[in-house]
Amino acid sequence: MTKIDQLVAELCDEFMIAAAAGDLPTVRENLTQIFEYAAYEIARTGCSDLSISVFNAAAEVDKRFRRAEERIHTTRLEPIKLRLG
């Protein structure tokens, strides 16, 4: 197992723990940061097409996590009880 493989495994373990604790915003922020940082580093090598693809992936991860967070938030809300009359 390479050092990168070990780091990825450790990160995934931490993401799993955070997600299980309901801390999706932290998972979203950290995943997005990893993608964005990778995109910056890829751009520095001159591979602009790949860099743009990775930035787009970061945006997609962020968008999907925000939707999931919203769904979870709305399903946890108590139903509103209306009193008629």
PDB file of N, CA and C in Angstrom:
ATOM      1  N   MET A   1       0.849  -1.179   0.000  1.00  0.00           N
ATOM      2  CA  MET A   1       0.000   0.000   0.000  1.00  0.00           C
ATOM      3  C   MET A   1       0.893   1.241   0.000  1.00  0.00           C
ATOM      4  N   THR A   2       0.628   2.142  -0.921  1.00  0.00           N
ATOM      5  CA  THR A   2       1.432   3.357  -1.012  1.00  0.00           C
ATOM      6  C   THR A   2       1.008   4.349   0.068  1.00  0.00           C
ATOM      7  N   LYS A   3       1.819   5.368   0.239  1.00  0.00           N
ATOM      8  CA  LYS A   3       1.495   6.399   1.223  1.00  0.00           C
ATOM      9  C   LYS A   3       0.177   7.088   0.862  1.00  0.00           C
ATOM     10  N   ILE A   4      -0.036   7.324  -0.417  1.00  0.00           N
ATOM     11  CA  ILE A   4      -1.290   7.951  -0.847  1.00  0.00           C
ATOM     12  C   ILE A   4      -2.473   7.051  -0.513  1.00  0.00           C
ATOM     13  N   ASP A   5      -2.336   5.748  -0.762  1.00  0.00           N
ATOM     14  CA  ASP A   5      -3.407   4.809  -0.428  1.00  0.00           C
ATOM     15  C   ASP A   5      -3.733   4.861   1.063  1.00  0.00           C
ATOM     16  N   GLN A   6      -2.701   4.928   1.892  1.00  0.00           N
ATOM     17  CA  GLN A   6      -2.903   4.995   3.343  1.00  0.00           C
ATOM     18  C   GLN A   6      -3.612   6.290   3.739  1.00  0.00           C
ATOM     19  N   LEU A   7      -3.174   7.406   3.153  1.00  0.00           N
ATOM     20  CA  LEU A   7      -3.807   8.691   3.463  1.00  0.00           C
ATOM     21  C   LEU A   7      -5.274   8.711   3.042  1.00  0.00           C
ATOM     22  N   VAL A   8      -5.551   8.172   1.869  1.00  0.00           N
ATOM     23  CA  VAL A   8      -6.932   8.123   1.388  1.00  0.00           C
ATOM     24  C   VAL A   8      -7.784   7.262   2.319  1.00  0.00           C
ATOM     25  N   ALA A   9      -7.255   6.120   2.733  1.00  0.00           N
ATOM     26  CA  ALA A   9      -7.992   5.246   3.649  1.00  0.00           C
ATOM     27  C   ALA A   9      -8.277   5.955   4.971  1.00  0.00           C
ATOM     28  N   GLU A  10      -7.286   6.668   5.497  1.00  0.00           N
ATOM     29  CA  GLU A  10      -7.480   7.405   6.749  1.00  0.00           C
ATOM     30  C   GLU A  10      -8.512   8.516   6.580  1.00  0.00           C
ATOM     31  N   LEU A  11      -8.433   9.246   5.466  1.00  0.00           N
ATOM     32  CA  LEU A  11      -9.417  10.302   5.205  1.00  0.00           C
ATOM     33  C   LEU A  11     -10.829   9.732   5.103  1.00  0.00           C
ATOM     34  N   CYS A  12     -10.959   8.617   4.405  1.00  0.00           N
ATOM     35  CA  CYS A  12     -12.277   8.000   4.259  1.00  0.00           C
ATOM     36  C   CYS A  12     -12.827   7.556   5.613  1.00  0.00           C
ATOM     37  N   ASP A  13     -11.968   7.032   6.471  1.00  0.00           N
ATOM     38  CA  ASP A  13     -12.394   6.665   7.826  1.00  0.00           C
ATOM     39  C   ASP A  13     -12.911   7.887   8.572  1.00  0.00           C
ATOM     40  N   GLU A  14     -12.188   8.999   8.475  1.00  0.00           N
ATOM     41  CA  GLU A  14     -12.609  10.226   9.152  1.00  0.00           C
ATOM     42  C   GLU A  14     -13.923  10.760   8.571  1.00  0.00           C
ATOM     43  N   PHE A  15     -14.077  10.678   7.248  1.00  0.00           N
ATOM     44  CA  PHE A  15     -15.328  11.110   6.622  1.00  0.00           C
ATOM     45  C   PHE A  15     -16.489  10.248   7.102  1.00  0.00           C
ATOM     46  N   MET A  16     -16.259   8.942   7.210  1.00  0.00           N
ATOM     47  CA  MET A  16     -17.297   8.031   7.662  1.00  0.00           C
ATOM     48  C   MET A  16     -17.725   8.363   9.090  1.00  0.00           C
ATOM     49  N   ILE A  17     -16.752   8.630   9.951  1.00  0.00           N
ATOM     50  CA  ILE A  17     -17.045   8.970  11.344  1.00  0.00           C
ATOM     51  C   ILE A  17     -17.852  10.266  11.411  1.00  0.00           C
ATOM     52  N   ALA A  18     -17.433  11.274  10.651  1.00  0.00           N
ATOM     53  CA  ALA A  18     -18.141  12.558  10.651  1.00  0.00           C
ATOM     54  C   ALA A  18     -19.555  12.403  10.100  1.00  0.00           C
ATOM     55  N   ALA A  19     -19.703  11.646   9.031  1.00  0.00           N
ATOM     56  CA  ALA A  19     -21.027  11.445   8.437  1.00  0.00           C
ATOM     57  C   ALA A  19     -21.937  10.685   9.396  1.00  0.00           C
ATOM     58  N   ALA A  20     -21.398   9.667  10.065  1.00  0.00           N
ATOM     59  CA  ALA A  20     -22.189   8.899  11.026  1.00  0.00           C
ATOM     60  C   ALA A  20     -22.648   9.773  12.190  1.00  0.00           C
ATOM     61  N   ALA A  21     -21.853  10.779  12.518  1.00  0.00           N
ATOM     62  CA  ALA A  21     -22.207  11.706  13.597  1.00  0.00           C
ATOM     63  C   ALA A  21     -23.139  12.814  13.100  1.00  0.00           C
ATOM     64  N   GLY A  22     -23.484  12.783  11.815  1.00  0.00           N
ATOM     65  CA  GLY A  22     -24.377  13.787  11.256  1.00  0.00           C
ATOM     66  C   GLY A  22     -23.691  15.078  10.863  1.00  0.00           C
ATOM     67  N   ASP A  23     -22.377  15.046  10.755  1.00  0.00           N
ATOM     68  CA  ASP A  23     -21.618  16.257  10.439  1.00  0.00           C
ATOM     69  C   ASP A  23     -21.318  16.343   8.941  1.00  0.00           C
ATOM     70  N   LEU A  24     -22.371  16.345   8.139  1.00  0.00           N
ATOM     71  CA  LEU A  24     -22.191  16.416   6.687  1.00  0.00           C
ATOM     72  C   LEU A  24     -21.531  17.706   6.219  1.00  0.00           C
ATOM     73  N   PRO A  25     -21.780  18.860   6.857  1.00  0.00           N
ATOM     74  CA  PRO A  25     -21.096  20.070   6.394  1.00  0.00           C
ATOM     75  C   PRO A  25     -19.571  19.944   6.435  1.00  0.00           C
ATOM     76  N   THR A  26     -19.038  19.314   7.465  1.00  0.00           N
ATOM     77  CA  THR A  26     -17.586  19.136   7.552  1.00  0.00           C
ATOM     78  C   THR A  26     -17.091  18.216   6.448  1.00  0.00           C
ATOM     79  N   VAL A  27     -17.813  17.134   6.200  1.00  0.00           N
ATOM     80  CA  VAL A  27     -17.428  16.209   5.129  1.00  0.00           C
ATOM     81  C   VAL A  27     -17.444  16.947   3.798  1.00  0.00           C
ATOM     82  N   ARG A  28     -18.519  17.702   3.544  1.00  0.00           N
ATOM     83  CA  ARG A  28     -18.636  18.457   2.287  1.00  0.00           C
ATOM     84  C   ARG A  28     -17.494  19.447   2.123  1.00  0.00           C
ATOM     85  N   GLU A  29     -17.234  20.219   3.160  1.00  0.00           N
ATOM     86  CA  GLU A  29     -16.179  21.232   3.083  1.00  0.00           C
ATOM     87  C   GLU A  29     -14.814  20.604   2.824  1.00  0.00           C
ATOM     88  N   ASN A  30     -14.513  19.523   3.527  1.00  0.00           N
ATOM     89  CA  ASN A  30     -13.200  18.896   3.365  1.00  0.00           C
ATOM     90  C   ASN A  30     -13.045  18.226   2.009  1.00  0.00           C
ATOM     91  N   LEU A  31     -14.080  17.547   1.547  1.00  0.00           N
ATOM     92  CA  LEU A  31     -14.000  16.930   0.218  1.00  0.00           C
ATOM     93  C   LEU A  31     -13.833  17.992  -0.864  1.00  0.00           C
ATOM     94  N   THR A  32     -14.595  19.063  -0.753  1.00  0.00           N
ATOM     95  CA  THR A  32     -14.491  20.140  -1.733  1.00  0.00           C
ATOM     96  C   THR A  32     -13.094  20.746  -1.721  1.00  0.00           C
ATOM     97  N   GLN A  33     -12.533  20.948  -0.536  1.00  0.00           N
ATOM     98  CA  GLN A  33     -11.183  21.501  -0.432  1.00  0.00           C
ATOM     99  C   GLN A  33     -10.152  20.587  -1.084  1.00  0.00           C
ATOM    100  N   ILE A  34     -10.296  19.289  -0.886  1.00  0.00           N
ATOM    101  CA  ILE A  34      -9.355  18.340  -1.486  1.00  0.00           C
ATOM    102  C   ILE A  34      -9.418  18.434  -3.011  1.00  0.00           C
ATOM    103  N   PHE A  35     -10.636  18.431  -3.558  1.00  0.00           N
ATOM    104  CA  PHE A  35     -10.786  18.540  -5.007  1.00  0.00           C
ATOM    105  C   PHE A  35     -10.203  19.852  -5.520  1.00  0.00           C
ATOM    106  N   GLU A  36     -10.525  20.957  -4.842  1.00  0.00           N
ATOM    107  CA  GLU A  36     -10.039  22.258  -5.306  1.00  0.00           C
ATOM    108  C   GLU A  36      -8.518  22.350  -5.231  1.00  0.00           C
ATOM    109  N   TYR A  37      -7.940  21.847  -4.153  1.00  0.00           N
ATOM    110  CA  TYR A  37      -6.483  21.877  -4.026  1.00  0.00           C
ATOM    111  C   TYR A  37      -5.837  21.035  -5.126  1.00  0.00           C
ATOM    112  N   ALA A  38      -6.410  19.866  -5.385  1.00  0.00           N
ATOM    113  CA  ALA A  38      -5.888  19.018  -6.457  1.00  0.00           C
ATOM    114  C   ALA A  38      -5.982  19.741  -7.800  1.00  0.00           C
ATOM    115  N   ALA A  39      -7.085  20.446  -8.022  1.00  0.00           N
ATOM    116  CA  ALA A  39      -7.253  21.180  -9.281  1.00  0.00           C
ATOM    117  C   ALA A  39      -6.196  22.265  -9.431  1.00  0.00           C
ATOM    118  N   TYR A  40      -5.905  22.986  -8.337  1.00  0.00           N
ATOM    119  CA  TYR A  40      -4.849  24.007  -8.388  1.00  0.00           C
ATOM    120  C   TYR A  40      -3.505  23.379  -8.734  1.00  0.00           C
ATOM    121  N   GLU A  41      -3.194  22.277  -8.085  1.00  0.00           N
ATOM    122  CA  GLU A  41      -1.903  21.625  -8.329  1.00  0.00           C
ATOM    123  C   GLU A  41      -1.813  21.074  -9.750  1.00  0.00           C
ATOM    124  N   ILE A  42      -2.914  20.529 -10.244  1.00  0.00           N
ATOM    125  CA  ILE A  42      -2.934  20.029 -11.621  1.00  0.00           C
ATOM    126  C   ILE A  42      -2.741  21.186 -12.595  1.00  0.00           C
ATOM    127  N   ALA A  43      -3.369  22.321 -12.317  1.00  0.00           N
ATOM    128  CA  ALA A  43      -3.227  23.496 -13.188  1.00  0.00           C
ATOM    129  C   ALA A  43      -1.779  23.958 -13.240  1.00  0.00           C
ATOM    130  N   ARG A  44      -1.084  23.846 -12.130  1.00  0.00           N
ATOM    131  CA  ARG A  44       0.322  24.265 -12.103  1.00  0.00           C
ATOM    132  C   ARG A  44       1.189  23.424 -13.026  1.00  0.00           C
ATOM    133  N   THR A  45       0.752  22.202 -13.327  1.00  0.00           N
ATOM    134  CA  THR A  45       1.521  21.347 -14.231  1.00  0.00           C
ATOM    135  C   THR A  45       1.217  21.651 -15.693  1.00  0.00           C
ATOM    136  N   GLY A  46       0.221  22.512 -15.923  1.00  0.00           N
ATOM    137  CA  GLY A  46      -0.119  22.878 -17.293  1.00  0.00           C
ATOM    138  C   GLY A  46      -1.264  22.087 -17.888  1.00  0.00           C
ATOM    139  N   CYS A  47      -1.859  21.211 -17.128  1.00  0.00           N
ATOM    140  CA  CYS A  47      -2.984  20.402 -17.625  1.00  0.00           C
ATOM    141  C   CYS A  47      -4.302  21.116 -17.326  1.00  0.00           C
ATOM    142  N   SER A  48      -4.561  22.178 -18.064  1.00  0.00           N
ATOM    143  CA  SER A  48      -5.724  23.011 -17.750  1.00  0.00           C
ATOM    144  C   SER A  48      -7.054  22.287 -17.948  1.00  0.00           C
ATOM    145  N   ASP A  49      -7.161  21.433 -18.970  1.00  0.00           N
ATOM    146  CA  ASP A  49      -8.416  20.707 -19.191  1.00  0.00           C
ATOM    147  C   ASP A  49      -8.740  19.805 -18.006  1.00  0.00           C
ATOM    148  N   LEU A  50      -7.742  19.085 -17.527  1.00  0.00           N
ATOM    149  CA  LEU A  50      -7.950  18.208 -16.377  1.00  0.00           C
ATOM    150  C   LEU A  50      -8.265  19.025 -15.129  1.00  0.00           C
ATOM    151  N   SER A  51      -7.567  20.136 -14.959  1.00  0.00           N
ATOM    152  CA  SER A  51      -7.805  21.004 -13.807  1.00  0.00           C
ATOM    153  C   SER A  51      -9.247  21.505 -13.788  1.00  0.00           C
ATOM    154  N   ILE A  52      -9.744  21.921 -14.932  1.00  0.00           N
ATOM    155  CA  ILE A  52     -11.125  22.400 -15.023  1.00  0.00           C
ATOM    156  C   ILE A  52     -12.097  21.278 -14.686  1.00  0.00           C
ATOM    157  N   SER A  53     -11.817  20.075 -15.152  1.00  0.00           N
ATOM    158  CA  SER A  53     -12.677  18.932 -14.841  1.00  0.00           C
ATOM    159  C   SER A  53     -12.723  18.661 -13.342  1.00  0.00           C
ATOM    160  N   VAL A  54     -11.577  18.773 -12.684  1.00  0.00           N
ATOM    161  CA  VAL A  54     -11.528  18.538 -11.240  1.00  0.00           C
ATOM    162  C   VAL A  54     -12.269  19.656 -10.499  1.00  0.00           C
ATOM    163  N   PHE A  55     -12.122  20.905 -10.941  1.00  0.00           N
ATOM    164  CA  PHE A  55     -12.898  22.002 -10.345  1.00  0.00           C
ATOM    165  C   PHE A  55     -14.394  21.751 -10.513  1.00  0.00           C
ATOM    166  N   ASN A  56     -14.798  21.287 -11.689  1.00  0.00           N
ATOM    167  CA  ASN A  56     -16.209  20.974 -11.918  1.00  0.00           C
ATOM    168  C   ASN A  56     -16.680  19.850 -11.001  1.00  0.00           C
ATOM    169  N   ALA A  57     -15.815  18.868 -10.784  1.00  0.00           N
ATOM    170  CA  ALA A  57     -16.154  17.783  -9.856  1.00  0.00           C
ATOM    171  C   ALA A  57     -16.337  18.327  -8.441  1.00  0.00           C
ATOM    172  N   ALA A  58     -15.488  19.269  -8.042  1.00  0.00           N
ATOM    173  CA  ALA A  58     -15.616  19.892  -6.712  1.00  0.00           C
ATOM    174  C   ALA A  58     -16.958  20.600  -6.588  1.00  0.00           C
ATOM    175  N   ALA A  59     -17.341  21.322  -7.619  1.00  0.00           N
ATOM    176  CA  ALA A  59     -18.625  22.032  -7.591  1.00  0.00           C
ATOM    177  C   ALA A  59     -19.789  21.052  -7.518  1.00  0.00           C
ATOM    178  N   GLU A  60     -19.673  19.953  -8.231  1.00  0.00           N
ATOM    179  CA  GLU A  60     -20.732  18.941  -8.224  1.00  0.00           C
ATOM    180  C   GLU A  60     -20.838  18.267  -6.859  1.00  0.00           C
ATOM    181  N   VAL A  61     -19.706  17.945  -6.246  1.00  0.00           N
ATOM    182  CA  VAL A  61     -19.703  17.364  -4.898  1.00  0.00           C
ATOM    183  C   VAL A  61     -20.383  18.326  -3.929  1.00  0.00           C
ATOM    184  N   ASP A  62     -20.006  19.588  -3.988  1.00  0.00           N
ATOM    185  CA  ASP A  62     -20.587  20.592  -3.100  1.00  0.00           C
ATOM    186  C   ASP A  62     -22.100  20.685  -3.298  1.00  0.00           C
ATOM    187  N   LYS A  63     -22.531  20.731  -4.546  1.00  0.00           N
ATOM    188  CA  LYS A  63     -23.956  20.857  -4.857  1.00  0.00           C
ATOM    189  C   LYS A  63     -24.746  19.655  -4.340  1.00  0.00           C
ATOM    190  N   ARG A  64     -24.228  18.461  -4.582  1.00  0.00           N
ATOM    191  CA  ARG A  64     -24.943  17.258  -4.152  1.00  0.00           C
ATOM    192  C   ARG A  64     -24.987  17.127  -2.631  1.00  0.00           C
ATOM    193  N   PHE A  65     -23.894  17.477  -1.966  1.00  0.00           N
ATOM    194  CA  PHE A  65     -23.888  17.432  -0.502  1.00  0.00           C
ATOM    195  C   PHE A  65     -24.879  18.435   0.068  1.00  0.00           C
ATOM    196  N   ARG A  66     -24.926  19.629  -0.510  1.00  0.00           N
ATOM    197  CA  ARG A  66     -25.876  20.636  -0.014  1.00  0.00           C
ATOM    198  C   ARG A  66     -27.317  20.152  -0.176  1.00  0.00           C
ATOM    199  N   ARG A  67     -27.611  19.496  -1.291  1.00  0.00           N
ATOM    200  CA  ARG A  67     -28.951  18.934  -1.481  1.00  0.00           C
ATOM    201  C   ARG A  67     -29.241  17.865  -0.434  1.00  0.00           C
ATOM    202  N   ALA A  68     -28.260  17.001  -0.186  1.00  0.00           N
ATOM    203  CA  ALA A  68     -28.439  15.953   0.825  1.00  0.00           C
ATOM    204  C   ALA A  68     -28.639  16.563   2.208  1.00  0.00           C
ATOM    205  N   GLU A  69     -27.856  17.587   2.529  1.00  0.00           N
ATOM    206  CA  GLU A  69     -28.005  18.257   3.822  1.00  0.00           C
ATOM    207  C   GLU A  69     -29.396  18.856   3.954  1.00  0.00           C
ATOM    208  N   GLU A  70     -29.886  19.456   2.883  1.00  0.00           N
ATOM    209  CA  GLU A  70     -31.219  20.063   2.910  1.00  0.00           C
ATOM    210  C   GLU A  70     -32.295  19.001   3.101  1.00  0.00           C
ATOM    211  N   ARG A  71     -32.175  17.874   2.385  1.00  0.00           N
ATOM    212  CA  ARG A  71     -33.151  16.793   2.540  1.00  0.00           C
ATOM    213  C   ARG A  71     -33.151  16.275   3.972  1.00  0.00           C
ATOM    214  N   ILE A  72     -31.970  16.075   4.521  1.00  0.00           N
ATOM    215  CA  ILE A  72     -31.874  15.572   5.892  1.00  0.00           C
ATOM    216  C   ILE A  72     -32.464  16.588   6.861  1.00  0.00           C
ATOM    217  N   HIS A  73     -32.154  17.850   6.652  1.00  0.00           N
ATOM    218  CA  HIS A  73     -32.669  18.907   7.532  1.00  0.00           C
ATOM    219  C   HIS A  73     -34.194  18.961   7.486  1.00  0.00           C
ATOM    220  N   THR A  74     -34.773  18.896   6.299  1.00  0.00           N
ATOM    221  CA  THR A  74     -36.227  19.011   6.188  1.00  0.00           C
ATOM    222  C   THR A  74     -36.934  17.775   6.715  1.00  0.00           C
ATOM    223  N   THR A  75     -36.325  16.603   6.634  1.00  0.00           N
ATOM    224  CA  THR A  75     -36.979  15.404   7.159  1.00  0.00           C
ATOM    225  C   THR A  75     -36.895  15.341   8.675  1.00  0.00           C
ATOM    226  N   ARG A  76     -35.976  16.074   9.273  1.00  0.00           N
ATOM    227  CA  ARG A  76     -35.862  16.083  10.731  1.00  0.00           C
ATOM    228  C   ARG A  76     -36.784  17.107  11.391  1.00  0.00           C
ATOM    229  N   LEU A  77     -37.370  17.994  10.601  1.00  0.00           N
ATOM    230  CA  LEU A  77     -38.246  19.009  11.164  1.00  0.00           C
ATOM    231  C   LEU A  77     -39.543  18.375  11.650  1.00  0.00           C
ATOM    232  N   GLU A  78     -40.050  18.904  12.729  1.00  0.00           N
ATOM    233  CA  GLU A  78     -41.333  18.445  13.251  1.00  0.00           C
ATOM    234  C   GLU A  78     -42.444  18.908  12.313  1.00  0.00           C
ATOM    235  N   PRO A  79     -43.458  18.083  12.133  1.00  0.00           N
ATOM    236  CA  PRO A  79     -44.583  18.544  11.328  1.00  0.00           C
ATOM    237  C   PRO A  79     -45.287  19.710  12.032  1.00  0.00           C
ATOM    238  N   ILE A  80     -45.778  20.627  11.255  1.00  0.00           N
ATOM    239  CA  ILE A  80     -46.485  21.781  11.810  1.00  0.00           C
ATOM    240  C   ILE A  80     -47.926  21.372  12.090  1.00  0.00           C
ATOM    241  N   LYS A  81     -48.360  21.612  13.316  1.00  0.00           N
ATOM    242  CA  LYS A  81     -49.739  21.285  13.691  1.00  0.00           C
ATOM    243  C   LYS A  81     -50.578  22.555  13.588  1.00  0.00           C
ATOM    244  N   LEU A  82     -51.575  22.494  12.751  1.00  0.00           N
ATOM    245  CA  LEU A  82     -52.451  23.646  12.553  1.00  0.00           C
ATOM    246  C   LEU A  82     -53.705  23.483  13.396  1.00  0.00           C
ATOM    247  N   ARG A  83     -54.105  24.579  13.995  1.00  0.00           N
ATOM    248  CA  ARG A  83     -55.369  24.584  14.734  1.00  0.00           C
ATOM    249  C   ARG A  83     -56.387  25.336  13.892  1.00  0.00           C
ATOM    250  N   LEU A  84     -57.410  24.655  13.578  1.00  0.00           N
ATOM    251  CA  LEU A  84     -58.460  25.279  12.775  1.00  0.00           C
ATOM    252  C   LEU A  84     -59.582  25.743  13.690  1.00  0.00           C
ATOM    253  N   GLY A  85     -59.996  26.987  13.504  1.00  0.00           N
ATOM    254  CA  GLY A  85     -61.140  27.541  14.218  1.00  0.00           C
ATOM    255  C   GLY A  85     -60.865  27.896  15.584  1.00  0.00           C
TER     256      GLY A  85
END
